[in-house]
Amino acid sequence: MNKLEPNTLRIANAIAFVLVIITNGLANALPLNNNSTGEISDRLNVLFTPAGYVFSIGESFTLRF
């Protein structure tokens, strides 16, 4: 098995992080059928769905960057 150089892993990790931030931002900026992520989650009755305030924490965390 080939070992990746540490710099390669750092770059891949940074790219993945940026893609996650962009995806989260787009999920809130471009709601599906005029429904936000929180509204869709509220409609689904699943035991592991986080509370509504968790989504606002993620948005504020994203905006800090």
Protein backbone atom coordinates (compact mmCIF):
# COMPACT_ATOMS: atom_id res chain seq x y z
CA MET A 1 0.00 0.00 0.00
CA ASN A 2 1.38 3.38 -0.97
CA LYS A 3 1.69 6.03 1.66
CA LEU A 4 0.45 9.46 0.75
CA GLU A 5 2.62 12.40 1.55
CA PRO A 6 1.43 14.47 4.53
CA ASN A 7 1.03 17.53 2.30
CA THR A 8 -1.27 15.60 -0.03
CA LEU A 9 -3.50 14.63 2.89
CA ARG A 10 -3.53 18.21 4.19
CA ILE A 11 -4.56 19.57 0.82
CA ALA A 12 -7.25 16.90 0.37
CA ASN A 13 -8.58 17.64 3.86
CA ALA A 14 -8.67 21.39 3.20
CA ILE A 15 -10.50 20.87 -0.11
CA ALA A 16 -13.03 18.55 1.54
CA PHE A 17 -13.63 21.09 4.33
CA VAL A 18 -14.23 23.91 1.84
CA LEU A 19 -16.64 21.72 -0.13
CA VAL A 20 -18.61 20.91 3.04
CA ILE A 21 -18.87 24.61 3.92
CA ILE A 22 -20.03 25.46 0.39
CA THR A 23 -22.57 22.63 0.38
CA ASN A 24 -23.98 23.70 3.74
CA GLY A 25 -24.19 27.30 2.61
CA LEU A 26 -25.98 26.35 -0.59
CA ALA A 27 -28.40 24.11 1.32
CA ASN A 28 -29.52 27.14 3.32
CA ALA A 29 -29.29 29.72 0.52
CA LEU A 30 -31.17 27.65 -2.07
CA PRO A 31 -34.04 25.93 -0.26
CA LEU A 32 -35.70 22.93 -1.90
CA ASN A 33 -39.24 23.79 -3.02
CA ASN A 34 -39.10 26.90 -0.80
CA ASN A 35 -38.41 24.76 2.30
CA SER A 36 -35.36 25.34 4.45
CA THR A 37 -33.30 22.49 5.88
CA GLY A 38 -34.87 23.02 9.30
CA GLU A 39 -38.42 22.96 7.91
CA ILE A 40 -37.79 19.70 6.08
CA SER A 41 -36.29 18.19 9.21
CA ASP A 42 -39.25 19.30 11.33
CA ARG A 43 -41.65 17.44 9.02
CA LEU A 44 -39.77 14.15 9.38
CA ASN A 45 -40.49 12.23 12.56
CA VAL A 46 -37.13 10.55 13.09
CA LEU A 47 -35.59 9.82 16.49
CA PHE A 48 -32.14 11.18 15.64
CA THR A 49 -33.19 14.47 14.02
CA PRO A 50 -31.53 17.33 15.93
CA ALA A 51 -33.53 20.20 17.42
CA GLY A 52 -34.23 23.27 15.29
CA TYR A 53 -31.71 25.48 17.08
CA VAL A 54 -28.90 23.20 15.93
CA PHE A 55 -29.39 24.38 12.35
CA SER A 56 -28.98 28.02 13.35
CA ILE A 57 -25.77 27.15 15.21
CA GLY A 58 -24.40 25.63 12.00
CA GLU A 59 -25.34 28.70 10.00
CA SER A 60 -23.63 31.06 12.43
CA PHE A 61 -20.57 28.81 12.53
CA THR A 62 -20.41 28.84 8.72
CA LEU A 63 -20.71 32.63 8.59
CA ARG A 64 -17.71 33.06 10.89
CA PHE A 65 -15.41 31.83 8.16
